[in-house]
Amino acid sequence: VLLNIMYLMVETIRQETEEDNLEWRAMRETFRTDLGVSLYNNEPFSVMLFGMVTKFCSGHAPHFPMKKVLLLLWKTVLLSLGGFEDLQVLKVKKREALGLPPLPEDSIKVIRNMRAASPPASASDLIEQQQKRARREHK
């Protein structure tokens, strides 16, 4: 239920329109900032969601509702960082400001041609697996 509520909040706040008044825009920016603030374990909300995905993929937390977690993670990243087009515009502006040459390839085209892959295991998960192996070897 909490993931559904957070998803609806993020998706509603993320959508910008021309009719948005200044108060709504200020609330959107405040919410965007709050998403980047450290919460549980001194990690931002999106990092906590990435951790849930990693634990699920490694089999340490099979009870997570992955579809909801992934949808919320996707919308949180979109709200926090913007879409690929926004990122590309920012990169071009920053390179021009620093006097760097333009990039030889378009990041959006590269991303669209990438294959999907599982996320790597977290350090704590790797340590836990090593400890389990060591216990089995000592028996």
Protein backbone atom coordinates (compact mmCIF):
# COMPACT_ATOMS: atom_id res chain seq x y z
CA VAL A 1 0.00 0.00 0.00
CA LEU A 2 2.83 2.42 0.87
CA LEU A 3 4.53 1.82 -2.46
CA ASN A 4 1.25 2.59 -4.26
CA ILE A 5 0.82 5.82 -2.31
CA MET A 6 4.39 6.90 -2.99
CA TYR A 7 4.01 6.04 -6.67
CA LEU A 8 0.86 8.15 -6.98
CA MET A 9 2.51 11.05 -5.16
CA VAL A 10 5.64 10.96 -7.32
CA GLU A 11 3.73 10.59 -10.58
CA THR A 12 1.25 13.36 -9.72
CA ILE A 13 3.96 15.80 -8.64
CA ARG A 14 6.23 14.88 -11.58
CA GLN A 15 3.74 15.99 -14.23
CA GLU A 16 4.29 19.64 -15.11
CA THR A 17 1.78 21.78 -16.99
CA GLU A 18 1.77 25.36 -18.24
CA GLU A 19 -1.06 26.23 -15.82
CA ASP A 20 0.94 25.31 -12.69
CA ASN A 21 1.04 28.23 -10.29
CA LEU A 22 4.18 29.32 -8.42
CA GLU A 23 3.11 27.58 -5.20
CA TRP A 24 2.72 24.22 -6.98
CA ARG A 25 6.11 24.65 -8.70
CA ALA A 26 7.73 25.44 -5.35
CA MET A 27 6.13 22.35 -3.80
CA ARG A 28 7.40 20.23 -6.70
CA GLU A 29 10.96 21.49 -6.19
CA THR A 30 10.71 20.90 -2.44
CA PHE A 31 9.50 17.34 -3.01
CA ARG A 32 12.27 16.77 -5.57
CA THR A 33 14.83 17.98 -3.01
CA ASP A 34 13.29 15.82 -0.28
CA LEU A 35 13.68 12.72 -2.46
CA GLY A 36 17.44 13.32 -2.53
CA VAL A 37 17.77 13.71 1.24
CA SER A 38 19.18 10.78 3.20
CA LEU A 39 16.54 8.69 4.94
CA TYR A 40 16.92 5.12 6.13
CA ASN A 41 20.59 4.04 6.59
CA ASN A 42 21.68 7.53 5.48
CA GLU A 43 20.63 6.73 1.90
CA PRO A 44 18.33 8.66 -0.42
CA PHE A 45 14.99 7.08 -1.27
CA SER A 46 16.09 5.99 -4.75
CA VAL A 47 19.18 4.23 -3.36
CA MET A 48 16.96 2.35 -0.91
CA LEU A 49 14.78 1.23 -3.86
CA PHE A 50 17.88 0.14 -5.82
CA GLY A 51 18.92 -1.89 -2.76
CA MET A 52 15.53 -3.60 -2.73
CA VAL A 53 15.98 -4.58 -6.38
CA THR A 54 19.46 -5.95 -5.72
CA LYS A 55 18.30 -7.99 -2.72
CA PHE A 56 15.39 -9.39 -4.71
CA CYS A 57 17.64 -10.37 -7.65
CA SER A 58 20.12 -12.09 -5.36
CA GLY A 59 17.32 -14.05 -3.68
CA HIS A 60 17.69 -12.48 -0.23
CA ALA A 61 14.28 -10.79 -0.23
CA PRO A 62 11.82 -12.71 -2.42
CA HIS A 63 8.82 -11.05 -0.74
CA PHE A 64 9.34 -7.56 -2.25
CA PRO A 65 6.62 -6.54 -4.75
CA MET A 66 9.13 -5.99 -7.55
CA LYS A 67 6.75 -4.55 -10.13
CA LYS A 68 5.73 -1.78 -7.73
CA VAL A 69 9.30 -1.19 -6.56
CA LEU A 70 10.57 -0.87 -10.14
CA LEU A 71 7.75 1.46 -11.17
CA LEU A 72 8.36 3.67 -8.15
CA LEU A 73 12.12 3.64 -8.75
CA TRP A 74 11.62 4.62 -12.39
CA LYS A 75 9.31 7.53 -11.55
CA THR A 76 11.55 8.66 -8.67
CA VAL A 77 14.58 8.81 -10.96
CA LEU A 78 12.55 10.67 -13.59
CA LEU A 79 11.39 13.22 -11.03
CA SER A 80 14.83 13.62 -9.45
CA LEU A 81 17.00 13.74 -12.56
CA GLY A 82 14.59 14.36 -15.43
CA GLY A 83 14.35 12.30 -18.59
CA PHE A 84 17.11 11.39 -21.05
CA GLU A 85 16.41 14.46 -23.17
CA ASP A 86 16.85 16.74 -20.14
CA LEU A 87 20.09 14.98 -19.27
CA GLN A 88 21.41 15.32 -22.82
CA VAL A 89 20.68 19.08 -22.87
CA LEU A 90 22.42 19.53 -19.50
CA LYS A 91 25.47 17.58 -20.68
CA VAL A 92 25.80 19.64 -23.85
CA LYS A 93 25.47 22.94 -21.94
CA LYS A 94 27.99 21.87 -19.29
CA ARG A 95 30.55 20.74 -21.89
CA GLU A 96 30.19 24.06 -23.73
CA ALA A 97 30.59 26.01 -20.46
CA LEU A 98 33.79 24.08 -19.64
CA GLY A 99 35.19 24.49 -23.15
CA LEU A 100 35.13 20.76 -23.89
CA PRO A 101 34.49 19.38 -27.39
CA PRO A 102 31.03 17.94 -28.10
CA LEU A 103 30.53 14.24 -27.49
CA PRO A 104 31.07 12.04 -30.58
CA GLU A 105 27.93 9.97 -29.92
CA ASP A 106 24.41 10.60 -28.70
CA SER A 107 23.84 9.01 -25.27
CA ILE A 108 20.16 8.43 -25.97
CA LYS A 109 20.93 6.36 -29.08
CA VAL A 110 23.56 4.35 -27.17
CA ILE A 111 21.12 3.64 -24.32
CA ARG A 112 18.39 2.49 -26.70
CA ASN A 113 20.75 -0.12 -28.16
CA MET A 114 21.90 -1.53 -24.78
CA ARG A 115 20.87 -4.97 -23.55
CA ALA A 116 19.12 -5.44 -20.21
CA ALA A 117 21.23 -6.88 -17.38
CA SER A 118 20.74 -7.82 -13.72
CA PRO A 119 22.14 -5.42 -11.15
CA PRO A 120 25.30 -6.51 -9.34
CA ALA A 121 25.04 -7.85 -5.82
CA SER A 122 25.58 -5.35 -3.01
CA ALA A 123 28.69 -5.59 -0.85
CA SER A 124 26.70 -6.72 2.20
CA ASP A 125 25.09 -9.51 0.16
CA LEU A 126 28.49 -10.70 -1.09
CA ILE A 127 29.89 -10.78 2.46
CA GLU A 128 26.85 -12.68 3.66
CA GLN A 129 27.25 -15.27 0.89
CA GLN A 130 30.95 -15.70 1.73
CA GLN A 131 30.11 -16.23 5.40
CA LYS A 132 27.52 -18.88 4.51
CA ARG A 133 30.06 -20.71 2.32
CA ALA A 134 32.65 -20.58 5.09
CA ARG A 135 30.14 -22.05 7.58
CA ARG A 136 29.34 -24.90 5.17
CA GLU A 137 33.02 -25.68 4.65
CA HIS A 138 33.64 -25.88 8.41
CA LYS A 139 30.88 -28.46 8.94
